[in-house]
Amino acid sequence: MSGGAGGPGDREGGVAGRDQDAVSRFVERFAAEMTEAGMQRMAARVFAALLAEDDGSMTSADLGRQLRISPAAVSGAINYLTQVSMVGRERDPGSRRDRYRLHDEIWYAAFASRDQVLTRWERTLRDGARSLGEDTPAGTRLGETAEFFAFLQAELTGVLDRWRESRATPG
């Protein structure tokens, strides 16, 4: 599974000692959970496969082989994951092949980027409420939604700060 055949610890089907069926079950189960939450199906499968990989990286060929998907499906999933800052692209040393790697602190980064989205949504909703008339039913609904996103953004910022503090504090 990792890095192709022939490397240290590799055997047919992946890393020595690793139950490839169990890995596949995890990848498909977690991908299904992420798809149910709104992520694109192929992107969820590729992300879950990278997450299950010891070094958090794989080539397009590795992903295609493991997930039994086409190069075009890998490419589309990687483009999405790169766009939402969940995966980065790098070159294998001495090779022309791209390697796709999970970003460090992937969940922190993913939720921190949501903060920017919430700010844009809040601004757009407030503009919409003013345009529609803040005293109209639609304007009131948009204003309440903007307030919800403002609240959520403040809470998310606090949660992310507390997470960083908890990681920096030993034991």
Protein backbone atom coordinates (compact mmCIF):
# COMPACT_ATOMS: atom_id res chain seq x y z
CA MET A 1 0.00 0.00 0.00
CA SER A 2 2.73 2.47 0.85
CA GLY A 3 5.07 3.87 -1.75
CA GLY A 4 4.81 0.93 -4.17
CA ALA A 5 6.35 -2.53 -4.27
CA GLY A 6 9.85 -3.41 -3.29
CA GLY A 7 10.44 -1.02 -0.39
CA PRO A 8 11.43 -2.07 3.12
CA GLY A 9 8.65 -3.93 4.84
CA ASP A 10 6.58 -4.21 1.67
CA ARG A 11 4.96 -7.42 0.60
CA GLU A 12 2.23 -8.17 -1.85
CA GLY A 13 -0.69 -5.94 -0.84
CA GLY A 14 1.13 -3.53 1.46
CA VAL A 15 3.15 -3.11 4.62
CA ALA A 16 4.20 -6.34 6.35
CA GLY A 17 1.96 -7.22 9.27
CA ARG A 18 -0.85 -4.91 8.25
CA ASP A 19 -4.24 -6.48 7.59
CA GLN A 20 -5.12 -4.99 4.21
CA ASP A 21 -8.76 -6.06 4.49
CA ALA A 22 -9.04 -4.18 7.80
CA VAL A 23 -7.41 -1.11 6.21
CA SER A 24 -9.84 -1.26 3.29
CA ARG A 25 -12.82 -1.63 5.63
CA PHE A 26 -11.68 1.41 7.64
CA VAL A 27 -11.10 3.49 4.49
CA GLU A 28 -14.54 2.69 3.09
CA ARG A 29 -16.30 3.15 6.43
CA PHE A 30 -14.68 6.52 7.19
CA ALA A 31 -15.18 7.66 3.59
CA ALA A 32 -18.88 6.78 3.87
CA GLU A 33 -19.12 8.84 7.07
CA MET A 34 -17.45 11.82 5.39
CA THR A 35 -19.66 11.44 2.30
CA GLU A 36 -22.75 11.40 4.50
CA ALA A 37 -21.49 14.66 6.05
CA GLY A 38 -21.27 16.27 2.61
CA MET A 39 -17.81 15.54 1.17
CA GLN A 40 -17.52 14.30 -2.40
CA ARG A 41 -17.36 10.49 -2.44
CA MET A 42 -14.04 10.05 -4.28
CA ALA A 43 -12.40 12.84 -2.29
CA ALA A 44 -13.54 11.14 0.92
CA ARG A 45 -12.11 7.79 -0.20
CA VAL A 46 -8.77 9.33 -1.20
CA PHE A 47 -8.58 11.31 2.05
CA ALA A 48 -9.36 8.23 4.15
CA ALA A 49 -6.71 6.21 2.29
CA LEU A 50 -4.10 8.89 2.97
CA LEU A 51 -5.19 9.10 6.60
CA ALA A 52 -4.69 5.34 7.00
CA GLU A 53 -1.21 5.45 5.47
CA ASP A 54 1.62 5.52 8.04
CA ASP A 55 3.40 8.49 6.49
CA GLY A 56 0.19 10.15 5.29
CA SER A 57 1.27 10.17 1.65
CA MET A 58 0.75 8.17 -1.52
CA THR A 59 1.28 8.54 -5.26
CA SER A 60 -1.57 8.64 -7.74
CA ALA A 61 -0.71 5.08 -8.80
CA ASP A 62 -0.78 3.92 -5.15
CA LEU A 63 -4.20 5.52 -4.63
CA GLY A 64 -5.58 4.11 -7.87
CA ARG A 65 -4.38 0.60 -7.03
CA GLN A 66 -5.62 0.62 -3.44
CA LEU A 67 -9.00 2.17 -4.15
CA ARG A 68 -9.44 0.55 -7.58
CA ILE A 69 -10.21 3.89 -9.21
CA SER A 70 -9.06 5.54 -12.43
CA PRO A 71 -6.30 8.14 -12.67
CA ALA A 72 -9.00 10.70 -13.58
CA ALA A 73 -10.91 9.90 -10.36
CA VAL A 74 -7.71 10.28 -8.32
CA SER A 75 -6.97 13.59 -10.04
CA GLY A 76 -10.44 14.98 -9.41
CA ALA A 77 -10.35 13.95 -5.76
CA ILE A 78 -6.87 15.41 -5.26
CA ASN A 79 -7.90 18.68 -6.92
CA TYR A 80 -10.80 19.00 -4.48
CA LEU A 81 -8.69 18.05 -1.42
CA THR A 82 -5.98 20.50 -2.46
CA GLN A 83 -8.54 23.27 -2.96
CA VAL A 84 -9.91 22.79 0.57
CA SER A 85 -6.35 22.65 2.01
CA MET A 86 -6.54 19.06 3.25
CA VAL A 87 -3.81 17.64 1.00
CA GLY A 88 -0.60 18.96 -0.50
CA ARG A 89 1.30 17.90 -3.58
CA GLU A 90 5.06 17.25 -3.64
CA ARG A 91 7.56 15.48 -5.88
CA ASP A 92 9.11 12.14 -5.03
CA PRO A 93 12.88 12.79 -4.80
CA GLY A 94 14.57 11.88 -8.08
CA SER A 95 11.24 11.20 -9.76
CA ARG A 96 8.70 12.98 -11.90
CA ARG A 97 5.84 11.45 -9.91
CA ASP A 98 3.69 13.56 -7.65
CA ARG A 99 3.13 12.40 -4.10
CA TYR A 100 0.05 13.57 -2.23
CA ARG A 101 0.46 14.24 1.48
CA LEU A 102 -1.89 15.14 4.29
CA HIS A 103 -1.10 18.51 5.79
CA ASP A 104 0.20 18.62 9.36
CA GLU A 105 -2.56 19.33 11.86
CA ILE A 106 -5.08 18.50 9.13
CA TRP A 107 -8.20 18.89 11.25
CA TYR A 108 -7.03 22.13 12.81
CA ALA A 109 -6.29 23.55 9.35
CA ALA A 110 -9.61 22.33 7.94
CA PHE A 111 -11.63 23.92 10.73
CA ALA A 112 -9.52 27.09 10.73
CA SER A 113 -10.27 27.54 7.02
CA ARG A 114 -13.98 27.18 7.86
CA ASP A 115 -13.54 30.31 9.97
CA GLN A 116 -12.89 32.29 6.76
CA VAL A 117 -15.95 30.77 5.12
CA LEU A 118 -18.12 31.68 8.09
CA THR A 119 -16.87 35.28 7.92
CA ARG A 120 -17.78 35.54 4.24
CA TRP A 121 -21.19 33.96 4.79
CA GLU A 122 -21.93 36.26 7.70
CA ARG A 123 -21.00 39.34 5.66
CA THR A 124 -23.10 38.21 2.68
CA LEU A 125 -26.08 37.41 4.91
CA ARG A 126 -25.91 40.83 6.61
CA ASP A 127 -25.74 42.53 3.20
CA GLY A 128 -28.70 40.42 2.08
CA ALA A 129 -30.71 41.35 5.18
CA ARG A 130 -30.09 45.05 4.50
CA SER A 131 -31.00 44.63 0.81
CA LEU A 132 -34.21 42.77 1.56
CA GLY A 133 -35.13 45.02 4.47
CA GLU A 134 -34.12 43.99 7.98
CA ASP A 135 -37.75 44.18 9.15
CA THR A 136 -39.09 41.83 6.48
CA PRO A 137 -39.48 38.14 7.28
CA ALA A 138 -36.70 37.21 4.84
CA GLY A 139 -34.43 39.99 6.13
CA THR A 140 -35.06 38.91 9.73
CA ARG A 141 -34.26 35.29 8.81
CA LEU A 142 -31.02 36.35 7.07
CA GLY A 143 -30.05 38.53 10.04
CA GLU A 144 -30.63 35.68 12.49
CA THR A 145 -28.59 33.35 10.29
CA ALA A 146 -25.76 35.93 10.19
CA GLU A 147 -25.88 36.13 14.00
CA PHE A 148 -25.67 32.35 14.20
CA PHE A 149 -22.57 32.32 11.96
CA ALA A 150 -20.99 35.12 14.03
CA PHE A 151 -21.62 33.09 17.19
CA LEU A 152 -20.31 29.91 15.59
CA GLN A 153 -17.19 31.71 14.38
CA ALA A 154 -16.43 33.08 17.85
CA GLU A 155 -16.94 29.66 19.41
CA LEU A 156 -14.83 27.93 16.76
CA THR A 157 -11.99 30.39 17.31
CA GLY A 158 -12.09 29.65 21.05
CA VAL A 159 -12.18 25.90 20.49
CA LEU A 160 -9.20 26.06 18.12
CA ASP A 161 -7.25 28.19 20.61
CA ARG A 162 -8.01 25.73 23.42
CA TRP A 163 -6.95 22.84 21.20
CA ARG A 164 -3.59 24.48 20.50
CA GLU A 165 -3.13 25.13 24.24
CA SER A 166 -3.97 21.52 25.09
CA ARG A 167 -1.40 20.25 22.58
CA ALA A 168 1.28 22.55 23.97
CA THR A 169 0.67 21.56 27.59
CA PRO A 170 2.45 18.33 28.59
CA GLY A 171 0.48 15.51 30.20
